[in-house]
Amino acid sequence: QVQLVESGGGLVQAGGSLRLSCAASGSISSFNAMGWYRQAPGKQRELVAYITSGGNTNYVDSVKGRVTISRDNAKNTVHLQMNSLKYEDTDVYYCNYRVLYSTYDYWGQGTQVTVSS
């Protein structure tokens, strides 16, 4: 089992910045990916960005150039630095941990990000 604890959500004005963090604990694999997804009411959860334990990253097109994902493998922590936030970035953001090449997949409880226009 893996537990995920998220922090850093909140209310920000358009153009502002937020930094989300997620700490994983429990049975951590050396080969994993940690990332962030977001979901609006009535919509599917979508990937924002992920980073593997080897440092490979992937971003959804809508956040490229504005968002940077990073991780500290020693602390099993992932960070999502979001700049130039837009109203449409308003969502609940969920941390995800998955073991590569397996079906093990865990989710955080979600943290609200609200961008005021």
C-alpha atoms as a PDB file:
ATOM      1  CA  GLN A   1       0.000   0.000   0.000  1.00  0.00           C
ATOM      2  CA  VAL A   2       1.036   3.559  -0.703  1.00  0.00           C
ATOM      3  CA  GLN A   3      -0.349   6.644   0.999  1.00  0.00           C
ATOM      4  CA  LEU A   4      -0.307  10.051  -0.662  1.00  0.00           C
ATOM      5  CA  VAL A   5      -0.587  13.351   1.174  1.00  0.00           C
ATOM      6  CA  GLU A   6      -1.174  16.454  -0.914  1.00  0.00           C
ATOM      7  CA  SER A   7      -0.680  20.100  -0.037  1.00  0.00           C
ATOM      8  CA  GLY A   8      -0.553  23.497  -1.648  1.00  0.00           C
ATOM      9  CA  GLY A   9      -3.929  24.076  -3.220  1.00  0.00           C
ATOM     10  CA  GLY A  10      -5.879  27.266  -2.737  1.00  0.00           C
ATOM     11  CA  LEU A  11      -7.263  30.422  -4.271  1.00  0.00           C
ATOM     12  CA  VAL A  12      -5.167  32.570  -6.570  1.00  0.00           C
ATOM     13  CA  GLN A  13      -5.811  35.339  -9.040  1.00  0.00           C
ATOM     14  CA  ALA A  14      -5.359  34.763 -12.735  1.00  0.00           C
ATOM     15  CA  GLY A  15      -1.715  35.185 -13.650  1.00  0.00           C
ATOM     16  CA  GLY A  16      -0.580  34.027 -10.237  1.00  0.00           C
ATOM     17  CA  SER A  17       1.298  30.946  -9.140  1.00  0.00           C
ATOM     18  CA  LEU A  18       0.745  27.934  -6.929  1.00  0.00           C
ATOM     19  CA  ARG A  19       2.927  25.029  -5.944  1.00  0.00           C
ATOM     20  CA  LEU A  20       1.363  21.661  -5.223  1.00  0.00           C
ATOM     21  CA  SER A  21       3.257  18.993  -3.327  1.00  0.00           C
ATOM     22  CA  CYS A  22       2.572  15.327  -2.738  1.00  0.00           C
ATOM     23  CA  ALA A  23       4.428  13.025  -0.399  1.00  0.00           C
ATOM     24  CA  ALA A  24       4.247   9.273  -0.826  1.00  0.00           C
ATOM     25  CA  SER A  25       4.816   6.775   1.958  1.00  0.00           C
ATOM     26  CA  GLY A  26       4.491   3.042   2.377  1.00  0.00           C
ATOM     27  CA  SER A  27       5.652   0.397  -0.076  1.00  0.00           C
ATOM     28  CA  ILE A  28       7.545   2.582  -2.520  1.00  0.00           C
ATOM     29  CA  SER A  29       8.919   0.962  -5.649  1.00  0.00           C
ATOM     30  CA  SER A  30      12.155   2.082  -7.283  1.00  0.00           C
ATOM     31  CA  PHE A  31      10.383   2.158 -10.633  1.00  0.00           C
ATOM     32  CA  ASN A  32       7.431   4.464 -10.373  1.00  0.00           C
ATOM     33  CA  ALA A  33       5.773   7.494 -11.818  1.00  0.00           C
ATOM     34  CA  MET A  34       4.246  10.295  -9.787  1.00  0.00           C
ATOM     35  CA  GLY A  35       2.028  12.895 -11.248  1.00  0.00           C
ATOM     36  CA  TRP A  36      -0.946  15.167 -11.067  1.00  0.00           C
ATOM     37  CA  TYR A  37      -4.352  14.855 -12.636  1.00  0.00           C
ATOM     38  CA  ARG A  38      -7.259  17.257 -12.442  1.00  0.00           C
ATOM     39  CA  GLN A  39     -10.982  16.901 -12.606  1.00  0.00           C
ATOM     40  CA  ALA A  40     -13.877  19.304 -12.889  1.00  0.00           C
ATOM     41  CA  PRO A  41     -17.397  18.332 -11.793  1.00  0.00           C
ATOM     42  CA  GLY A  42     -19.026  16.111 -14.400  1.00  0.00           C
ATOM     43  CA  LYS A  43     -15.857  15.724 -16.415  1.00  0.00           C
ATOM     44  CA  GLN A  44     -13.267  13.009 -16.775  1.00  0.00           C
ATOM     45  CA  ARG A  45     -10.086  13.168 -14.790  1.00  0.00           C
ATOM     46  CA  GLU A  46      -7.251  14.306 -17.043  1.00  0.00           C
ATOM     47  CA  LEU A  47      -3.498  14.162 -16.791  1.00  0.00           C
ATOM     48  CA  VAL A  48      -1.705  17.404 -16.026  1.00  0.00           C
ATOM     49  CA  ALA A  49       1.857  16.092 -15.773  1.00  0.00           C
ATOM     50  CA  TYR A  50       3.856  13.152 -14.551  1.00  0.00           C
ATOM     51  CA  ILE A  51       7.468  12.356 -13.830  1.00  0.00           C
ATOM     52  CA  THR A  52       9.058   8.950 -13.564  1.00  0.00           C
ATOM     53  CA  SER A  53      11.620   7.849 -11.017  1.00  0.00           C
ATOM     54  CA  GLY A  54      14.140   8.140 -13.855  1.00  0.00           C
ATOM     55  CA  GLY A  55      13.220  11.774 -14.457  1.00  0.00           C
ATOM     56  CA  ASN A  56      11.194  11.460 -17.638  1.00  0.00           C
ATOM     57  CA  THR A  57       8.329  13.946 -17.778  1.00  0.00           C
ATOM     58  CA  ASN A  58       5.129  14.409 -19.720  1.00  0.00           C
ATOM     59  CA  TYR A  59       2.743  17.376 -19.764  1.00  0.00           C
ATOM     60  CA  VAL A  60      -0.690  17.971 -21.194  1.00  0.00           C
ATOM     61  CA  ASP A  61      -0.453  20.523 -23.996  1.00  0.00           C
ATOM     62  CA  SER A  62      -2.600  23.099 -22.198  1.00  0.00           C
ATOM     63  CA  VAL A  63      -0.037  23.563 -19.404  1.00  0.00           C
ATOM     64  CA  LYS A  64       3.216  23.342 -21.329  1.00  0.00           C
ATOM     65  CA  GLY A  65       5.387  26.361 -20.667  1.00  0.00           C
ATOM     66  CA  ARG A  66       3.436  27.273 -17.529  1.00  0.00           C
ATOM     67  CA  VAL A  67       3.838  24.215 -15.338  1.00  0.00           C
ATOM     68  CA  THR A  68       6.911  22.346 -14.136  1.00  0.00           C
ATOM     69  CA  ILE A  69       6.864  19.001 -12.392  1.00  0.00           C
ATOM     70  CA  SER A  70       9.780  17.887 -10.263  1.00  0.00           C
ATOM     71  CA  ARG A  71      10.498  15.248  -7.678  1.00  0.00           C
ATOM     72  CA  ASP A  72      12.745  14.396  -4.785  1.00  0.00           C
ATOM     73  CA  ASN A  73      13.318  10.653  -4.919  1.00  0.00           C
ATOM     74  CA  ALA A  74      14.962  10.596  -1.497  1.00  0.00           C
ATOM     75  CA  LYS A  75      11.782  12.039   0.035  1.00  0.00           C
ATOM     76  CA  ASN A  76       9.318  10.354  -2.358  1.00  0.00           C
ATOM     77  CA  THR A  77       7.839  13.752  -3.025  1.00  0.00           C
ATOM     78  CA  VAL A  78       6.582  15.336  -6.208  1.00  0.00           C
ATOM     79  CA  HIS A  79       5.992  19.041  -6.796  1.00  0.00           C
ATOM     80  CA  LEU A  80       3.920  20.843  -9.391  1.00  0.00           C
ATOM     81  CA  GLN A  81       4.897  24.469  -9.907  1.00  0.00           C
ATOM     82  CA  MET A  82       2.098  26.252 -11.733  1.00  0.00           C
ATOM     83  CA  ASN A  83       2.679  29.746 -13.097  1.00  0.00           C
ATOM     84  CA  SER A  84       0.563  32.113 -15.183  1.00  0.00           C
ATOM     85  CA  LEU A  85      -2.537  30.394 -13.901  1.00  0.00           C
ATOM     86  CA  LYS A  86      -5.736  30.761 -15.886  1.00  0.00           C
ATOM     87  CA  TYR A  87      -9.361  30.594 -14.845  1.00  0.00           C
ATOM     88  CA  GLU A  88      -9.676  27.323 -16.748  1.00  0.00           C
ATOM     89  CA  ASP A  89      -7.035  25.753 -14.495  1.00  0.00           C
ATOM     90  CA  THR A  90      -9.640  25.730 -11.730  1.00  0.00           C
ATOM     91  CA  ASP A  91     -10.185  22.096 -10.743  1.00  0.00           C
ATOM     92  CA  VAL A  92      -9.588  19.540  -8.062  1.00  0.00           C
ATOM     93  CA  TYR A  93      -6.031  18.277  -8.477  1.00  0.00           C
ATOM     94  CA  TYR A  94      -5.192  14.700  -7.575  1.00  0.00           C
ATOM     95  CA  CYS A  95      -1.778  13.252  -6.916  1.00  0.00           C
ATOM     96  CA  ASN A  96      -1.129   9.876  -8.503  1.00  0.00           C
ATOM     97  CA  TYR A  97       1.480   7.240  -7.824  1.00  0.00           C
ATOM     98  CA  ARG A  98       1.851   4.176  -9.984  1.00  0.00           C
ATOM     99  CA  VAL A  99       4.351   1.392 -10.206  1.00  0.00           C
ATOM    100  CA  LEU A 100       5.750   1.138 -13.707  1.00  0.00           C
ATOM    101  CA  TYR A 101       4.988  -2.048 -15.640  1.00  0.00           C
ATOM    102  CA  SER A 102       2.295  -3.029 -13.158  1.00  0.00           C
ATOM    103  CA  THR A 103      -1.313  -2.322 -12.271  1.00  0.00           C
ATOM    104  CA  TYR A 104      -0.511  -0.757  -8.888  1.00  0.00           C
ATOM    105  CA  ASP A 105      -2.055   2.688  -8.933  1.00  0.00           C
ATOM    106  CA  TYR A 106      -2.807   5.023  -6.000  1.00  0.00           C
ATOM    107  CA  TRP A 107      -4.542   8.367  -5.619  1.00  0.00           C
ATOM    108  CA  GLY A 108      -4.445  11.219  -3.179  1.00  0.00           C
ATOM    109  CA  GLN A 109      -7.570  12.760  -1.709  1.00  0.00           C
ATOM    110  CA  GLY A 110      -7.490  15.780  -4.011  1.00  0.00           C
ATOM    111  CA  THR A 111      -6.767  19.445  -3.433  1.00  0.00           C
ATOM    112  CA  GLN A 112      -8.811  22.331  -4.774  1.00  0.00           C
ATOM    113  CA  VAL A 113      -7.194  24.912  -7.022  1.00  0.00           C
ATOM    114  CA  THR A 114      -9.338  27.942  -7.734  1.00  0.00           C
ATOM    115  CA  VAL A 115      -8.210  30.676 -10.100  1.00  0.00           C
ATOM    116  CA  SER A 116     -10.239  33.862  -9.989  1.00  0.00           C
ATOM    117  CA  SER A 117     -10.557  35.862 -13.177  1.00  0.00           C
END
